All heavy atoms as atom14 arrays in JSON, in Angstrom:
{
  "sequence": "LVFARTSPFRPGTKFAKSTVVPLRRPTADSAMLVKAAVAGLRSIFK",
  "atom14_mask": [
    [1, 1, 1, 1, 1, 1, 1, 1, 0, 0, 0, 0, 0, 0],
    [1, 1, 1, 1, 1, 1, 1, 0, 0, 0, 0, 0, 0, 0],
    [1, 1, 1, 1, 1, 1, 1, 1, 1, 1, 1, 0, 0, 0],
    [1, 1, 1, 1, 1, 0, 0, 0, 0, 0, 0, 0, 0, 0],
    [1, 1, 1, 1, 1, 1, 1, 1, 1, 1, 1, 0, 0, 0],
    [1, 1, 1, 1, 1, 1, 1, 0, 0, 0, 0, 0, 0, 0],
    [1, 1, 1, 1, 1, 1, 0, 0, 0, 0, 0, 0, 0, 0],
    [1, 1, 1, 1, 1, 1, 1, 0, 0, 0, 0, 0, 0, 0],
    [1, 1, 1, 1, 1, 1, 1, 1, 1, 1, 1, 0, 0, 0],
    [1, 1, 1, 1, 1, 1, 1, 1, 1, 1, 1, 0, 0, 0],
    [1, 1, 1, 1, 1, 1, 1, 0, 0, 0, 0, 0, 0, 0],
    [1, 1, 1, 1, 0, 0, 0, 0, 0, 0, 0, 0, 0, 0],
    [1, 1, 1, 1, 1, 1, 1, 0, 0, 0, 0, 0, 0, 0],
    [1, 1, 1, 1, 1, 1, 1, 1, 1, 0, 0, 0, 0, 0],
    [1, 1, 1, 1, 1, 1, 1, 1, 1, 1, 1, 0, 0, 0],
    [1, 1, 1, 1, 1, 0, 0, 0, 0, 0, 0, 0, 0, 0],
    [1, 1, 1, 1, 1, 1, 1, 1, 1, 0, 0, 0, 0, 0],
    [1, 1, 1, 1, 1, 1, 0, 0, 0, 0, 0, 0, 0, 0],
    [1, 1, 1, 1, 1, 1, 1, 0, 0, 0, 0, 0, 0, 0],
    [1, 1, 1, 1, 1, 1, 1, 0, 0, 0, 0, 0, 0, 0],
    [1, 1, 1, 1, 1, 1, 1, 0, 0, 0, 0, 0, 0, 0],
    [1, 1, 1, 1, 1, 1, 1, 0, 0, 0, 0, 0, 0, 0],
    [1, 1, 1, 1, 1, 1, 1, 1, 0, 0, 0, 0, 0, 0],
    [1, 1, 1, 1, 1, 1, 1, 1, 1, 1, 1, 0, 0, 0],
    [1, 1, 1, 1, 1, 1, 1, 1, 1, 1, 1, 0, 0, 0],
    [1, 1, 1, 1, 1, 1, 1, 0, 0, 0, 0, 0, 0, 0],
    [1, 1, 1, 1, 1, 1, 1, 0, 0, 0, 0, 0, 0, 0],
    [1, 1, 1, 1, 1, 0, 0, 0, 0, 0, 0, 0, 0, 0],
    [1, 1, 1, 1, 1, 1, 1, 1, 0, 0, 0, 0, 0, 0],
    [1, 1, 1, 1, 1, 1, 0, 0, 0, 0, 0, 0, 0, 0],
    [1, 1, 1, 1, 1, 0, 0, 0, 0, 0, 0, 0, 0, 0],
    [1, 1, 1, 1, 1, 1, 1, 1, 0, 0, 0, 0, 0, 0],
    [1, 1, 1, 1, 1, 1, 1, 1, 0, 0, 0, 0, 0, 0],
    [1, 1, 1, 1, 1, 1, 1, 0, 0, 0, 0, 0, 0, 0],
    [1, 1, 1, 1, 1, 1, 1, 1, 1, 0, 0, 0, 0, 0],
    [1, 1, 1, 1, 1, 0, 0, 0, 0, 0, 0, 0, 0, 0],
    [1, 1, 1, 1, 1, 0, 0, 0, 0, 0, 0, 0, 0, 0],
    [1, 1, 1, 1, 1, 1, 1, 0, 0, 0, 0, 0, 0, 0],
    [1, 1, 1, 1, 1, 0, 0, 0, 0, 0, 0, 0, 0, 0],
    [1, 1, 1, 1, 0, 0, 0, 0, 0, 0, 0, 0, 0, 0],
    [1, 1, 1, 1, 1, 1, 1, 1, 0, 0, 0, 0, 0, 0],
    [1, 1, 1, 1, 1, 1, 1, 1, 1, 1, 1, 0, 0, 0],
    [1, 1, 1, 1, 1, 1, 0, 0, 0, 0, 0, 0, 0, 0],
    [1, 1, 1, 1, 1, 1, 1, 1, 0, 0, 0, 0, 0, 0],
    [1, 1, 1, 1, 1, 1, 1, 1, 1, 1, 1, 0, 0, 0],
    [1, 1, 1, 1, 1, 1, 1, 1, 1, 0, 0, 0, 0, 0]
  ],
  "atom14_positions": [
    [[102.05, 19.04, -57.88], [102.52, 19.29, -59.26], [101.37, 19.56, -60.16], [100.34, 18.9, -60.07], [103.28, 17.99, -59.74], [103.84, 18.03, -61.14], [105.18, 17.21, -61.22], [102.84, 17.47, -62.17], [0.0, 0.0, 0.0], [0.0, 0.0, 0.0], [0.0, 0.0, 0.0], [0.0, 0.0, 0.0], [0.0, 0.0, 0.0], [0.0, 0.0, 0.0]],
    [[101.54, 20.6, -61.03], [100.53, 20.88, -61.99], [101.16, 20.95, -63.38], [102.34, 21.38, -63.47], [99.85, 22.23, -61.68], [100.83, 23.37, -61.65], [98.72, 22.58, -62.68], [0.0, 0.0, 0.0], [0.0, 0.0, 0.0], [0.0, 0.0, 0.0], [0.0, 0.0, 0.0], [0.0, 0.0, 0.0], [0.0, 0.0, 0.0], [0.0, 0.0, 0.0]],
    [[100.45, 20.49, -64.43], [101.06, 20.43, -65.77], [99.96, 20.76, -66.79], [98.75, 20.69, -66.52], [101.64, 19.02, -66.06], [100.64, 18.01, -66.42], [100.14, 17.82, -67.67], [100.16, 17.2, -65.39], [99.25, 16.84, -67.98], [99.21, 16.16, -65.69], [98.74, 16.06, -66.97], [0.0, 0.0, 0.0], [0.0, 0.0, 0.0], [0.0, 0.0, 0.0]],
    [[100.44, 21.19, -67.9], [99.55, 21.44, -69.06], [100.39, 21.19, -70.31], [101.56, 21.41, -70.38], [99.07, 22.91, -69.09], [0.0, 0.0, 0.0], [0.0, 0.0, 0.0], [0.0, 0.0, 0.0], [0.0, 0.0, 0.0], [0.0, 0.0, 0.0], [0.0, 0.0, 0.0], [0.0, 0.0, 0.0], [0.0, 0.0, 0.0], [0.0, 0.0, 0.0]],
    [[99.64, 20.59, -71.33], [100.38, 20.25, -72.55], [99.45, 20.3, -73.74], [98.22, 20.17, -73.6], [101.03, 18.91, -72.47], [100.16, 17.67, -72.36], [100.95, 16.45, -72.5], [100.16, 15.23, -72.28], [99.41, 14.65, -73.24], [99.25, 15.23, -74.39], [98.72, 13.54, -72.92], [0.0, 0.0, 0.0], [0.0, 0.0, 0.0], [0.0, 0.0, 0.0]],
    [[100.01, 20.31, -74.91], [99.3, 20.2, -76.13], [99.19, 18.7, -76.51], [99.78, 17.85, -75.9], [100.06, 20.94, -77.29], [101.4, 20.45, -77.43], [100.07, 22.43, -76.97], [0.0, 0.0, 0.0], [0.0, 0.0, 0.0], [0.0, 0.0, 0.0], [0.0, 0.0, 0.0], [0.0, 0.0, 0.0], [0.0, 0.0, 0.0], [0.0, 0.0, 0.0]],
    [[98.39, 18.48, -77.62], [98.28, 17.08, -78.08], [99.51, 16.7, -78.88], [99.97, 17.47, -79.74], [97.04, 16.97, -79.0], [97.05, 15.73, -79.66], [0.0, 0.0, 0.0], [0.0, 0.0, 0.0], [0.0, 0.0, 0.0], [0.0, 0.0, 0.0], [0.0, 0.0, 0.0], [0.0, 0.0, 0.0], [0.0, 0.0, 0.0], [0.0, 0.0, 0.0]],
    [[100.08, 15.48, -78.62], [101.21, 15.07, -79.38], [100.86, 14.71, -80.89], [101.7, 14.58, -81.7], [101.7, 13.82, -78.63], [100.47, 13.36, -77.91], [99.69, 14.56, -77.61], [0.0, 0.0, 0.0], [0.0, 0.0, 0.0], [0.0, 0.0, 0.0], [0.0, 0.0, 0.0], [0.0, 0.0, 0.0], [0.0, 0.0, 0.0], [0.0, 0.0, 0.0]],
    [[99.6, 14.59, -81.12], [99.13, 14.14, -82.43], [98.65, 15.34, -83.36], [98.54, 15.21, -84.51], [97.99, 13.14, -82.37], [98.31, 12.05, -81.38], [97.73, 11.92, -80.2], [99.22, 11.04, -81.76], [98.05, 10.89, -79.27], [99.54, 9.99, -80.92], [98.94, 9.92, -79.69], [0.0, 0.0, 0.0], [0.0, 0.0, 0.0], [0.0, 0.0, 0.0]],
    [[98.29, 16.47, -82.73], [97.88, 17.61, -83.51], [99.02, 18.43, -84.05], [99.97, 18.72, -83.3], [96.94, 18.48, -82.59], [96.24, 19.64, -83.33], [95.43, 20.44, -82.32], [94.37, 19.68, -81.69], [93.18, 19.53, -82.11], [92.81, 20.07, -83.3], [92.32, 18.75, -81.51], [0.0, 0.0, 0.0], [0.0, 0.0, 0.0], [0.0, 0.0, 0.0]],
    [[98.93, 18.82, -85.34], [99.97, 19.68, -85.87], [99.97, 21.04, -85.24], [98.98, 21.53, -84.67], [99.62, 19.72, -87.37], [98.12, 19.5, -87.43], [97.88, 18.51, -86.32], [0.0, 0.0, 0.0], [0.0, 0.0, 0.0], [0.0, 0.0, 0.0], [0.0, 0.0, 0.0], [0.0, 0.0, 0.0], [0.0, 0.0, 0.0], [0.0, 0.0, 0.0]],
    [[101.16, 21.69, -85.29], [101.28, 23.0, -84.72], [102.26, 23.03, -83.57], [103.1, 22.07, -83.34], [0.0, 0.0, 0.0], [0.0, 0.0, 0.0], [0.0, 0.0, 0.0], [0.0, 0.0, 0.0], [0.0, 0.0, 0.0], [0.0, 0.0, 0.0], [0.0, 0.0, 0.0], [0.0, 0.0, 0.0], [0.0, 0.0, 0.0], [0.0, 0.0, 0.0]],
    [[102.3, 24.12, -82.84], [103.28, 24.31, -81.8], [103.1, 23.31, -80.65], [101.93, 23.04, -80.21], [103.15, 25.74, -81.16], [103.27, 26.71, -82.2], [104.15, 25.98, -80.01], [0.0, 0.0, 0.0], [0.0, 0.0, 0.0], [0.0, 0.0, 0.0], [0.0, 0.0, 0.0], [0.0, 0.0, 0.0], [0.0, 0.0, 0.0], [0.0, 0.0, 0.0]],
    [[104.21, 22.69, -80.21], [104.17, 21.72, -79.18], [104.56, 22.4, -77.84], [105.42, 23.26, -77.8], [105.15, 20.53, -79.42], [104.87, 19.85, -80.76], [103.51, 19.17, -80.8], [103.24, 18.44, -82.09], [101.87, 17.96, -82.22], [0.0, 0.0, 0.0], [0.0, 0.0, 0.0], [0.0, 0.0, 0.0], [0.0, 0.0, 0.0], [0.0, 0.0, 0.0]],
    [[103.85, 21.99, -76.79], [104.12, 22.58, -75.45], [103.8, 21.53, -74.37], [102.73, 20.87, -74.46], [103.2, 23.83, -75.28], [103.44, 24.48, -73.92], [104.32, 25.5, -73.72], [102.66, 24.07, -72.82], [104.47, 26.14, -72.48], [102.81, 24.71, -71.59], [103.7, 25.74, -71.4], [0.0, 0.0, 0.0], [0.0, 0.0, 0.0], [0.0, 0.0, 0.0]],
    [[104.7, 21.42, -73.47], [104.46, 20.53, -72.35], [105.3, 21.01, -71.15], [106.56, 21.04, -71.26], [104.86, 19.06, -72.67], [0.0, 0.0, 0.0], [0.0, 0.0, 0.0], [0.0, 0.0, 0.0], [0.0, 0.0, 0.0], [0.0, 0.0, 0.0], [0.0, 0.0, 0.0], [0.0, 0.0, 0.0], [0.0, 0.0, 0.0], [0.0, 0.0, 0.0]],
    [[104.7, 21.45, -70.08], [105.43, 22.01, -69.01], [104.69, 21.71, -67.71], [103.51, 21.62, -67.67], [105.54, 23.55, -69.18], [106.67, 24.14, -68.33], [106.96, 25.6, -68.76], [108.09, 26.16, -67.9], [108.44, 27.61, -68.3], [0.0, 0.0, 0.0], [0.0, 0.0, 0.0], [0.0, 0.0, 0.0], [0.0, 0.0, 0.0], [0.0, 0.0, 0.0]],
    [[105.47, 21.54, -66.68], [104.91, 21.26, -65.31], [105.77, 22.01, -64.28], [106.82, 22.54, -64.59], [104.95, 19.76, -65.02], [106.3, 19.33, -64.93], [0.0, 0.0, 0.0], [0.0, 0.0, 0.0], [0.0, 0.0, 0.0], [0.0, 0.0, 0.0], [0.0, 0.0, 0.0], [0.0, 0.0, 0.0], [0.0, 0.0, 0.0], [0.0, 0.0, 0.0]],
    [[105.18, 22.19, -63.07], [105.92, 22.84, -62.01], [105.44, 22.21, -60.73], [104.29, 21.78, -60.62], [105.72, 24.34, -62.01], [106.56, 24.91, -60.97], [104.25, 24.68, -61.71], [0.0, 0.0, 0.0], [0.0, 0.0, 0.0], [0.0, 0.0, 0.0], [0.0, 0.0, 0.0], [0.0, 0.0, 0.0], [0.0, 0.0, 0.0], [0.0, 0.0, 0.0]],
    [[106.33, 22.14, -59.71], [106.06, 21.6, -58.46], [105.94, 22.79, -57.43], [106.76, 23.61, -57.39], [107.07, 20.62, -57.95], [106.81, 20.21, -56.5], [107.13, 19.42, -58.85], [0.0, 0.0, 0.0], [0.0, 0.0, 0.0], [0.0, 0.0, 0.0], [0.0, 0.0, 0.0], [0.0, 0.0, 0.0], [0.0, 0.0, 0.0], [0.0, 0.0, 0.0]],
    [[104.78, 22.86, -56.72], [104.52, 23.89, -55.83], [104.63, 23.35, -54.39], [103.78, 22.57, -53.97], [103.12, 24.51, -56.05], [102.87, 25.66, -55.09], [102.93, 24.96, -57.48], [0.0, 0.0, 0.0], [0.0, 0.0, 0.0], [0.0, 0.0, 0.0], [0.0, 0.0, 0.0], [0.0, 0.0, 0.0], [0.0, 0.0, 0.0], [0.0, 0.0, 0.0]],
    [[105.66, 23.78, -53.62], [105.79, 23.3, -52.22], [104.66, 23.95, -51.4], [104.36, 25.12, -51.56], [107.14, 23.76, -51.82], [107.84, 24.18, -53.03], [106.77, 24.55, -54.0], [0.0, 0.0, 0.0], [0.0, 0.0, 0.0], [0.0, 0.0, 0.0], [0.0, 0.0, 0.0], [0.0, 0.0, 0.0], [0.0, 0.0, 0.0], [0.0, 0.0, 0.0]],
    [[104.07, 23.21, -50.5], [103.07, 23.68, -49.62], [103.66, 24.16, -48.29], [104.59, 23.45, -47.83], [101.94, 22.71, -49.41], [101.25, 22.19, -50.71], [100.35, 20.97, -50.42], [100.46, 23.35, -51.31], [0.0, 0.0, 0.0], [0.0, 0.0, 0.0], [0.0, 0.0, 0.0], [0.0, 0.0, 0.0], [0.0, 0.0, 0.0], [0.0, 0.0, 0.0]],
    [[103.18, 25.17, -47.74], [103.8, 25.68, -46.48], [103.73, 24.62, -45.38], [104.69, 24.52, -44.63], [103.06, 26.95, -46.04], [103.6, 27.5, -44.74], [102.8, 28.7, -44.24], [103.02, 28.79, -42.78], [102.35, 29.61, -42.05], [101.46, 30.38, -42.54], [102.62, 29.7, -40.74], [0.0, 0.0, 0.0], [0.0, 0.0, 0.0], [0.0, 0.0, 0.0]],
    [[102.6, 23.95, -45.33], [102.45, 22.83, -44.4], [101.63, 21.69, -45.09], [100.84, 22.04, -45.98], [101.76, 23.25, -43.1], [100.35, 23.68, -43.3], [99.61, 23.83, -41.93], [100.15, 24.99, -41.16], [99.55, 26.16, -41.19], [98.52, 26.43, -42.0], [100.02, 27.12, -40.46], [0.0, 0.0, 0.0], [0.0, 0.0, 0.0], [0.0, 0.0, 0.0]],
    [[101.88, 20.42, -44.77], [101.09, 19.4, -45.36], [99.59, 19.63, -45.07], [99.2, 20.0, -44.03], [101.56, 18.11, -44.68], [102.95, 18.44, -44.21], [102.94, 19.9, -43.87], [0.0, 0.0, 0.0], [0.0, 0.0, 0.0], [0.0, 0.0, 0.0], [0.0, 0.0, 0.0], [0.0, 0.0, 0.0], [0.0, 0.0, 0.0], [0.0, 0.0, 0.0]],
    [[98.74, 19.46, -46.11], [97.38, 19.77, -46.0], [96.51, 18.89, -46.89], [97.01, 18.28, -47.83], [97.09, 21.23, -46.38], [95.73, 21.57, -46.19], [97.45, 21.43, -47.9], [0.0, 0.0, 0.0], [0.0, 0.0, 0.0], [0.0, 0.0, 0.0], [0.0, 0.0, 0.0], [0.0, 0.0, 0.0], [0.0, 0.0, 0.0], [0.0, 0.0, 0.0]],
    [[95.2, 18.78, -46.53], [94.18, 18.13, -47.38], [93.08, 19.11, -47.65], [91.99, 18.65, -48.13], [93.66, 16.9, -46.68], [0.0, 0.0, 0.0], [0.0, 0.0, 0.0], [0.0, 0.0, 0.0], [0.0, 0.0, 0.0], [0.0, 0.0, 0.0], [0.0, 0.0, 0.0], [0.0, 0.0, 0.0], [0.0, 0.0, 0.0], [0.0, 0.0, 0.0]],
    [[93.28, 20.35, -47.4], [92.3, 21.36, -47.59], [92.14, 21.7, -49.02], [93.1, 22.1, -49.71], [92.67, 22.65, -46.76], [91.55, 23.66, -46.68], [91.0, 24.02, -47.77], [91.32, 24.18, -45.62], [0.0, 0.0, 0.0], [0.0, 0.0, 0.0], [0.0, 0.0, 0.0], [0.0, 0.0, 0.0], [0.0, 0.0, 0.0], [0.0, 0.0, 0.0]],
    [[90.94, 21.57, -49.57], [90.69, 21.8, -51.01], [91.12, 23.23, -51.43], [91.69, 23.48, -52.46], [89.27, 21.53, -51.35], [88.91, 20.21, -51.21], [0.0, 0.0, 0.0], [0.0, 0.0, 0.0], [0.0, 0.0, 0.0], [0.0, 0.0, 0.0], [0.0, 0.0, 0.0], [0.0, 0.0, 0.0], [0.0, 0.0, 0.0], [0.0, 0.0, 0.0]],
    [[90.73, 24.2, -50.55], [91.05, 25.58, -50.85], [92.52, 25.83, -50.99], [92.97, 26.57, -51.95], [90.43, 26.52, -49.81], [0.0, 0.0, 0.0], [0.0, 0.0, 0.0], [0.0, 0.0, 0.0], [0.0, 0.0, 0.0], [0.0, 0.0, 0.0], [0.0, 0.0, 0.0], [0.0, 0.0, 0.0], [0.0, 0.0, 0.0], [0.0, 0.0, 0.0]],
    [[93.33, 25.24, -50.08], [94.76, 25.46, -50.13], [95.37, 24.77, -51.34], [96.26, 25.31, -52.07], [95.36, 24.85, -48.86], [94.88, 25.49, -47.55], [95.34, 27.21, -47.46], [94.62, 27.67, -45.9], [0.0, 0.0, 0.0], [0.0, 0.0, 0.0], [0.0, 0.0, 0.0], [0.0, 0.0, 0.0], [0.0, 0.0, 0.0], [0.0, 0.0, 0.0]],
    [[94.84, 23.62, -51.7], [95.38, 22.85, -52.82], [95.01, 23.54, -54.14], [95.84, 23.58, -55.07], [94.91, 21.37, -52.75], [95.51, 20.62, -51.59], [94.81, 19.3, -51.47], [96.98, 20.4, -51.73], [0.0, 0.0, 0.0], [0.0, 0.0, 0.0], [0.0, 0.0, 0.0], [0.0, 0.0, 0.0], [0.0, 0.0, 0.0], [0.0, 0.0, 0.0]],
    [[93.75, 24.05, -54.2], [93.3, 24.76, -55.41], [94.18, 25.98, -55.6], [94.62, 26.31, -56.69], [91.85, 25.07, -55.36], [91.46, 26.04, -56.42], [91.0, 23.77, -55.46], [0.0, 0.0, 0.0], [0.0, 0.0, 0.0], [0.0, 0.0, 0.0], [0.0, 0.0, 0.0], [0.0, 0.0, 0.0], [0.0, 0.0, 0.0], [0.0, 0.0, 0.0]],
    [[94.38, 26.71, -54.48], [95.22, 27.95, -54.63], [96.57, 27.67, -55.1], [97.12, 28.36, -55.97], [95.27, 28.62, -53.22], [96.0, 29.93, -53.16], [96.0, 30.45, -51.79], [96.8, 31.82, -51.76], [96.79, 32.4, -50.36], [0.0, 0.0, 0.0], [0.0, 0.0, 0.0], [0.0, 0.0, 0.0], [0.0, 0.0, 0.0], [0.0, 0.0, 0.0]],
    [[97.17, 26.58, -54.62], [98.55, 26.23, -55.05], [98.54, 25.8, -56.55], [99.45, 26.11, -57.29], [99.07, 25.1, -54.24], [0.0, 0.0, 0.0], [0.0, 0.0, 0.0], [0.0, 0.0, 0.0], [0.0, 0.0, 0.0], [0.0, 0.0, 0.0], [0.0, 0.0, 0.0], [0.0, 0.0, 0.0], [0.0, 0.0, 0.0], [0.0, 0.0, 0.0]],
    [[97.52, 25.0, -56.94], [97.42, 24.55, -58.3], [97.24, 25.72, -59.28], [97.9, 25.75, -60.35], [96.28, 23.56, -58.47], [0.0, 0.0, 0.0], [0.0, 0.0, 0.0], [0.0, 0.0, 0.0], [0.0, 0.0, 0.0], [0.0, 0.0, 0.0], [0.0, 0.0, 0.0], [0.0, 0.0, 0.0], [0.0, 0.0, 0.0], [0.0, 0.0, 0.0]],
    [[96.41, 26.67, -58.96], [96.2, 27.9, -59.84], [97.45, 28.7, -59.93], [97.83, 29.12, -60.96], [95.04, 28.67, -59.25], [94.93, 30.01, -60.03], [93.69, 27.89, -59.41], [0.0, 0.0, 0.0], [0.0, 0.0, 0.0], [0.0, 0.0, 0.0], [0.0, 0.0, 0.0], [0.0, 0.0, 0.0], [0.0, 0.0, 0.0], [0.0, 0.0, 0.0]],
    [[98.19, 28.82, -58.8], [99.34, 29.59, -58.75], [100.42, 28.9, -59.68], [101.14, 29.58, -60.47], [99.97, 29.76, -57.4], [0.0, 0.0, 0.0], [0.0, 0.0, 0.0], [0.0, 0.0, 0.0], [0.0, 0.0, 0.0], [0.0, 0.0, 0.0], [0.0, 0.0, 0.0], [0.0, 0.0, 0.0], [0.0, 0.0, 0.0], [0.0, 0.0, 0.0]],
    [[100.54, 27.6, -59.59], [101.46, 26.83, -60.43], [101.12, 26.96, -61.92], [101.96, 27.14, -62.76], [0.0, 0.0, 0.0], [0.0, 0.0, 0.0], [0.0, 0.0, 0.0], [0.0, 0.0, 0.0], [0.0, 0.0, 0.0], [0.0, 0.0, 0.0], [0.0, 0.0, 0.0], [0.0, 0.0, 0.0], [0.0, 0.0, 0.0], [0.0, 0.0, 0.0]],
    [[99.82, 26.85, -62.18], [99.37, 26.98, -63.57], [99.73, 28.37, -64.13], [100.2, 28.41, -65.29], [97.89, 26.74, -63.69], [97.26, 26.98, -65.04], [97.73, 25.86, -66.04], [95.69, 26.99, -65.0], [0.0, 0.0, 0.0], [0.0, 0.0, 0.0], [0.0, 0.0, 0.0], [0.0, 0.0, 0.0], [0.0, 0.0, 0.0], [0.0, 0.0, 0.0]],
    [[99.45, 29.37, -63.4], [99.76, 30.75, -63.91], [101.21, 30.89, -64.22], [101.63, 31.67, -65.14], [99.27, 31.79, -62.91], [97.79, 31.81, -62.72], [97.37, 33.0, -61.84], [95.99, 32.97, -61.36], [94.96, 33.31, -62.18], [95.12, 33.77, -63.43], [93.75, 33.2, -61.71], [0.0, 0.0, 0.0], [0.0, 0.0, 0.0], [0.0, 0.0, 0.0]],
    [[102.1, 30.22, -63.5], [103.56, 30.33, -63.67], [104.01, 29.63, -64.96], [105.04, 30.01, -65.51], [104.29, 29.83, -62.48], [104.27, 28.38, -62.38], [0.0, 0.0, 0.0], [0.0, 0.0, 0.0], [0.0, 0.0, 0.0], [0.0, 0.0, 0.0], [0.0, 0.0, 0.0], [0.0, 0.0, 0.0], [0.0, 0.0, 0.0], [0.0, 0.0, 0.0]],
    [[103.27, 28.63, -65.42], [103.72, 27.9, -66.63], [102.93, 28.28, -67.88], [103.23, 27.85, -68.99], [103.66, 26.38, -66.43], [102.25, 25.89, -66.16], [104.6, 26.02, -65.27], [102.11, 24.41, -66.07], [0.0, 0.0, 0.0], [0.0, 0.0, 0.0], [0.0, 0.0, 0.0], [0.0, 0.0, 0.0], [0.0, 0.0, 0.0], [0.0, 0.0, 0.0]],
    [[101.77, 28.99, -67.67], [100.88, 29.28, -68.82], [101.62, 30.09, -69.87], [102.33, 31.1, -69.58], [99.68, 30.05, -68.29], [98.73, 30.44, -69.45], [97.85, 29.53, -70.0], [98.73, 31.73, -69.94], [96.99, 29.9, -71.0], [97.89, 32.1, -70.94], [96.99, 31.17, -71.5], [0.0, 0.0, 0.0], [0.0, 0.0, 0.0], [0.0, 0.0, 0.0]],
    [[101.38, 29.74, -71.12], [101.91, 30.5, -72.21], [100.73, 30.84, -73.22], [100.06, 29.88, -73.66], [102.98, 29.69, -72.94], [103.7, 30.47, -74.11], [104.81, 29.54, -74.65], [105.47, 30.26, -75.84], [106.55, 29.39, -76.45], [0.0, 0.0, 0.0], [0.0, 0.0, 0.0], [0.0, 0.0, 0.0], [0.0, 0.0, 0.0], [0.0, 0.0, 0.0]]
  ]
}
């Protein structure tokens, strides 16, 4: 799961979104997990 959000205390536009990225196979490989996290972030970025 990857998420990004704005500050709840700062004035202006509020944003809070997350997404769950299923992995093809269970892994502990940093490269695989980073790739999934970046892909998830790009999908929710505004």
